N, C-alpha and C. Protein backbone atom coordinates (compact mmCIF):
# COMPACT_ATOMS: atom_id res chain seq x y z
N MET A 1 60.10 25.20 -104.01
CA MET A 1 59.53 25.58 -102.73
C MET A 1 60.76 25.81 -101.75
N ASN A 2 60.65 26.95 -100.96
CA ASN A 2 61.71 27.22 -100.05
C ASN A 2 61.16 26.81 -98.70
N MET A 3 62.05 26.06 -97.93
CA MET A 3 61.74 25.45 -96.66
C MET A 3 62.63 25.91 -95.51
N TYR A 4 62.08 26.16 -94.37
CA TYR A 4 62.72 26.63 -93.17
C TYR A 4 63.02 25.33 -92.32
N VAL A 5 64.37 25.14 -91.97
CA VAL A 5 64.67 23.92 -91.15
C VAL A 5 65.35 24.45 -89.92
N SER A 6 64.74 24.03 -88.79
CA SER A 6 65.28 24.47 -87.54
C SER A 6 65.65 23.31 -86.60
N ASN A 7 66.29 23.61 -85.46
CA ASN A 7 66.73 22.61 -84.53
C ASN A 7 67.87 21.74 -85.07
N LEU A 8 68.69 22.37 -85.99
CA LEU A 8 69.82 21.69 -86.54
C LEU A 8 70.97 21.54 -85.51
N SER A 9 71.71 20.52 -85.60
CA SER A 9 72.94 20.37 -84.82
C SER A 9 73.84 21.52 -85.25
N PHE A 10 74.63 22.02 -84.23
CA PHE A 10 75.50 23.11 -84.55
C PHE A 10 76.69 22.67 -85.48
N HIS A 11 76.75 21.35 -85.72
CA HIS A 11 77.85 20.81 -86.56
C HIS A 11 77.31 20.60 -87.98
N THR A 12 76.06 20.78 -88.23
CA THR A 12 75.46 20.60 -89.58
C THR A 12 75.98 21.65 -90.49
N THR A 13 76.40 21.26 -91.68
CA THR A 13 76.88 22.27 -92.65
C THR A 13 75.81 22.44 -93.79
N SER A 14 75.97 23.36 -94.61
CA SER A 14 75.02 23.55 -95.75
C SER A 14 75.14 22.39 -96.66
N GLU A 15 76.33 21.73 -96.82
CA GLU A 15 76.44 20.61 -97.70
C GLU A 15 75.73 19.40 -97.07
N ASP A 16 75.79 19.24 -95.74
CA ASP A 16 75.00 18.21 -95.05
C ASP A 16 73.55 18.35 -95.26
N LEU A 17 73.12 19.57 -95.25
CA LEU A 17 71.65 19.89 -95.44
C LEU A 17 71.26 19.47 -96.81
N LYS A 18 72.11 19.85 -97.77
CA LYS A 18 71.76 19.55 -99.24
C LYS A 18 71.74 18.03 -99.43
N THR A 19 72.69 17.32 -98.89
CA THR A 19 72.75 15.82 -98.95
C THR A 19 71.51 15.25 -98.45
N LEU A 20 71.09 15.71 -97.22
CA LEU A 20 69.87 15.14 -96.55
C LEU A 20 68.61 15.35 -97.43
N PHE A 21 68.43 16.48 -98.00
CA PHE A 21 67.26 16.74 -98.74
C PHE A 21 67.24 16.24 -100.15
N SER A 22 68.49 16.06 -100.75
CA SER A 22 68.59 15.54 -102.08
C SER A 22 68.09 14.14 -102.22
N LYS A 23 67.86 13.43 -101.11
CA LYS A 23 67.23 12.07 -101.24
C LYS A 23 65.81 12.16 -101.72
N PHE A 24 65.25 13.37 -101.70
CA PHE A 24 63.88 13.51 -102.12
C PHE A 24 63.66 14.27 -103.42
N GLY A 25 64.81 14.64 -104.03
CA GLY A 25 64.74 15.37 -105.35
C GLY A 25 65.80 16.41 -105.44
N GLU A 26 65.71 17.21 -106.48
CA GLU A 26 66.78 18.19 -106.82
C GLU A 26 66.74 19.38 -105.84
N VAL A 27 67.81 19.58 -105.17
CA VAL A 27 67.93 20.74 -104.26
C VAL A 27 68.70 21.89 -105.00
N THR A 28 67.89 23.04 -105.12
CA THR A 28 68.48 24.17 -105.87
C THR A 28 69.38 25.03 -104.94
N SER A 29 69.09 25.04 -103.62
CA SER A 29 70.01 25.69 -102.66
C SER A 29 69.79 25.12 -101.25
N ALA A 30 70.78 25.19 -100.46
CA ALA A 30 70.74 24.77 -99.11
C ALA A 30 71.72 25.60 -98.24
N LYS A 31 71.29 26.27 -97.24
CA LYS A 31 72.19 27.17 -96.52
C LYS A 31 71.82 27.07 -95.04
N VAL A 32 72.89 26.73 -94.25
CA VAL A 32 72.82 26.91 -92.86
C VAL A 32 73.22 28.33 -92.44
N ILE A 33 72.47 28.96 -91.67
CA ILE A 33 72.69 30.33 -91.23
C ILE A 33 73.80 30.40 -90.16
N MET A 34 74.75 31.23 -90.43
CA MET A 34 75.89 31.34 -89.56
C MET A 34 75.84 32.65 -88.75
N ASP A 35 76.27 32.68 -87.49
CA ASP A 35 76.45 33.89 -86.67
C ASP A 35 77.58 34.67 -87.30
N LYS A 36 77.35 36.00 -87.55
CA LYS A 36 78.34 36.86 -88.15
C LYS A 36 79.52 37.06 -87.20
N VAL A 37 79.32 37.12 -85.96
CA VAL A 37 80.40 37.33 -85.01
C VAL A 37 81.26 36.14 -84.70
N THR A 38 80.60 35.05 -84.42
CA THR A 38 81.34 33.82 -84.02
C THR A 38 81.58 32.88 -85.10
N ASP A 39 80.92 33.10 -86.30
CA ASP A 39 81.04 32.17 -87.43
C ASP A 39 80.64 30.76 -87.09
N ARG A 40 79.69 30.68 -86.16
CA ARG A 40 79.18 29.30 -85.82
C ARG A 40 77.74 29.23 -86.32
N SER A 41 77.19 28.01 -86.50
CA SER A 41 75.87 27.83 -86.92
C SER A 41 74.84 28.43 -85.91
N ARG A 42 73.82 28.97 -86.40
CA ARG A 42 72.76 29.44 -85.53
C ARG A 42 71.64 28.47 -85.32
N GLY A 43 71.82 27.23 -85.86
CA GLY A 43 70.93 26.12 -85.58
C GLY A 43 69.72 26.07 -86.53
N PHE A 44 69.75 26.91 -87.57
CA PHE A 44 68.63 26.80 -88.58
C PHE A 44 69.18 27.14 -89.93
N GLY A 45 68.38 26.81 -90.89
CA GLY A 45 68.77 27.06 -92.31
C GLY A 45 67.63 27.05 -93.26
N PHE A 46 67.86 27.12 -94.51
CA PHE A 46 66.85 27.17 -95.55
C PHE A 46 67.26 26.16 -96.73
N VAL A 47 66.28 25.43 -97.19
CA VAL A 47 66.48 24.55 -98.32
C VAL A 47 65.44 24.85 -99.41
N GLU A 48 65.96 24.99 -100.63
CA GLU A 48 64.98 25.17 -101.68
C GLU A 48 65.05 23.99 -102.71
N MET A 49 63.91 23.54 -103.09
CA MET A 49 63.89 22.35 -104.03
C MET A 49 63.14 22.82 -105.24
N SER A 50 63.50 22.18 -106.35
CA SER A 50 62.94 22.66 -107.65
C SER A 50 61.39 22.23 -107.80
N SER A 51 61.08 21.12 -107.12
CA SER A 51 59.68 20.57 -107.24
C SER A 51 58.95 20.73 -105.94
N GLU A 52 57.76 21.33 -106.00
CA GLU A 52 56.84 21.42 -104.88
C GLU A 52 56.52 20.09 -104.32
N GLU A 53 56.27 19.14 -105.19
CA GLU A 53 55.93 17.79 -104.82
C GLU A 53 57.05 17.16 -103.99
N ASN A 54 58.31 17.26 -104.47
CA ASN A 54 59.37 16.74 -103.68
C ASN A 54 59.63 17.46 -102.38
N SER A 55 59.38 18.74 -102.39
CA SER A 55 59.50 19.56 -101.19
C SER A 55 58.53 19.02 -100.09
N LYS A 56 57.27 18.78 -100.44
CA LYS A 56 56.26 18.28 -99.57
C LYS A 56 56.65 16.94 -99.08
N GLU A 57 57.18 16.11 -99.95
CA GLU A 57 57.58 14.71 -99.56
C GLU A 57 58.75 14.82 -98.52
N ALA A 58 59.66 15.72 -98.77
CA ALA A 58 60.85 15.99 -97.84
C ALA A 58 60.35 16.46 -96.47
N MET A 59 59.45 17.42 -96.51
CA MET A 59 58.91 17.97 -95.23
C MET A 59 58.29 16.86 -94.39
N ALA A 60 57.36 16.05 -95.08
CA ALA A 60 56.69 15.01 -94.45
C ALA A 60 57.67 14.03 -93.79
N ALA A 61 58.71 13.69 -94.50
CA ALA A 61 59.69 12.66 -94.10
C ALA A 61 60.66 13.13 -93.03
N LEU A 62 61.02 14.47 -93.13
CA LEU A 62 62.10 14.94 -92.22
C LEU A 62 61.61 15.73 -91.01
N ASN A 63 60.33 16.18 -91.07
CA ASN A 63 59.90 16.98 -89.88
C ASN A 63 59.80 16.08 -88.68
N ASN A 64 60.34 16.45 -87.56
CA ASN A 64 60.48 15.67 -86.33
C ASN A 64 61.42 14.42 -86.45
N LYS A 65 62.10 14.31 -87.58
CA LYS A 65 63.10 13.17 -87.65
C LYS A 65 64.36 13.62 -86.89
N GLU A 66 64.81 12.63 -86.05
CA GLU A 66 66.07 12.90 -85.30
C GLU A 66 67.28 12.79 -86.13
N ILE A 67 68.06 13.83 -86.19
CA ILE A 67 69.30 13.87 -86.89
C ILE A 67 70.36 14.52 -85.97
N GLU A 68 71.46 13.72 -85.70
CA GLU A 68 72.49 14.04 -84.74
C GLU A 68 71.93 14.42 -83.38
N GLY A 69 70.90 13.64 -82.95
CA GLY A 69 70.40 13.77 -81.66
C GLY A 69 69.36 14.92 -81.46
N ARG A 70 68.96 15.48 -82.60
CA ARG A 70 67.98 16.68 -82.53
C ARG A 70 66.82 16.40 -83.53
N ALA A 71 65.70 16.62 -82.98
CA ALA A 71 64.45 16.46 -83.87
C ALA A 71 64.34 17.65 -84.77
N LEU A 72 64.46 17.49 -86.03
CA LEU A 72 64.34 18.66 -86.94
C LEU A 72 62.92 19.18 -87.04
N SER A 73 62.77 20.43 -87.36
CA SER A 73 61.59 21.06 -87.62
C SER A 73 61.57 21.59 -89.01
N VAL A 74 60.74 21.08 -89.94
CA VAL A 74 60.86 21.54 -91.30
C VAL A 74 59.43 22.08 -91.70
N SER A 75 59.39 23.28 -92.24
CA SER A 75 58.17 23.92 -92.64
C SER A 75 58.40 24.87 -93.86
N VAL A 76 57.33 25.29 -94.43
CA VAL A 76 57.40 26.20 -95.54
C VAL A 76 57.97 27.54 -95.06
N ALA A 77 59.01 28.03 -95.66
CA ALA A 77 59.64 29.32 -95.27
C ALA A 77 58.64 30.50 -95.56
N ARG A 78 58.59 31.40 -94.69
CA ARG A 78 57.84 32.59 -94.86
C ARG A 78 58.68 33.69 -95.58
N GLU A 79 58.11 34.53 -96.28
CA GLU A 79 58.84 35.67 -96.96
C GLU A 79 59.38 36.51 -95.81
N LYS A 80 60.53 37.11 -96.20
CA LYS A 80 61.17 38.00 -95.16
C LYS A 80 60.31 39.27 -95.11
N GLU A 81 60.05 39.71 -93.91
CA GLU A 81 59.32 40.88 -93.75
C GLU A 81 60.05 42.21 -94.07
N ALA A 82 59.38 43.09 -94.67
CA ALA A 82 60.08 44.37 -95.02
C ALA A 82 60.34 45.15 -93.77
N GLY A 83 61.46 45.77 -93.69
CA GLY A 83 61.80 46.53 -92.55
C GLY A 83 63.15 47.19 -92.73
N ASN A 84 63.77 47.56 -91.66
CA ASN A 84 65.03 48.28 -91.78
C ASN A 84 66.21 47.33 -91.60
N GLY A 85 66.01 46.01 -91.53
CA GLY A 85 67.05 45.06 -91.43
C GLY A 85 67.76 45.09 -90.10
N GLY A 86 67.07 45.62 -89.11
CA GLY A 86 67.58 45.65 -87.79
C GLY A 86 68.43 46.87 -87.46
N PHE A 87 68.69 47.77 -88.43
CA PHE A 87 69.42 48.94 -88.17
C PHE A 87 68.58 49.99 -87.54
N SER A 88 69.03 50.56 -86.51
CA SER A 88 68.35 51.61 -85.84
C SER A 88 69.31 52.62 -85.25
N ARG A 89 69.00 53.91 -85.41
CA ARG A 89 69.85 54.84 -84.69
C ARG A 89 69.50 55.00 -83.26
N GLY A 90 68.30 54.48 -82.96
CA GLY A 90 67.91 54.55 -81.51
C GLY A 90 67.48 55.91 -81.09
N GLY A 91 67.19 56.04 -79.85
CA GLY A 91 66.76 57.32 -79.31
C GLY A 91 67.65 57.75 -78.22
N GLY A 92 67.28 58.84 -77.56
CA GLY A 92 68.02 59.28 -76.38
C GLY A 92 69.43 59.80 -76.76
N GLY A 93 69.59 60.34 -77.97
CA GLY A 93 70.90 60.85 -78.43
C GLY A 93 71.20 62.27 -78.00
N GLY A 94 70.17 62.87 -77.28
CA GLY A 94 70.44 64.24 -76.92
C GLY A 94 70.45 65.15 -78.04
N ASN A 95 71.47 66.06 -78.11
CA ASN A 95 71.56 67.08 -79.12
C ASN A 95 72.53 66.67 -80.26
N LYS A 96 72.85 65.33 -80.34
CA LYS A 96 73.72 64.92 -81.40
C LYS A 96 73.11 65.11 -82.78
N ARG A 97 73.98 65.47 -83.74
CA ARG A 97 73.46 65.64 -85.05
C ARG A 97 74.22 64.63 -85.90
N TRP A 98 73.39 63.99 -86.75
CA TRP A 98 73.94 62.97 -87.68
C TRP A 98 74.23 63.59 -88.97
């Protein structure tokens, strides 16, 4: 099960996230999302565990748990919505030809 974890400390690393969740079972992936420009944490990440039962146990135990002075929010991750990935040529280009 893939979980969305938010309100992370900006010092939390992907390895920290993996260690935290591995107390509840096998973590298949853990990733803190980083800002592409500043290379700093964006304060959220994703954790995937091999067992749905372990995932539910981790969610129950860690949701609202204070870690590094911040109350984590842990929920089931939603599938990424289809779209253009944020790329847009925009409007108002006048007579420009691409």
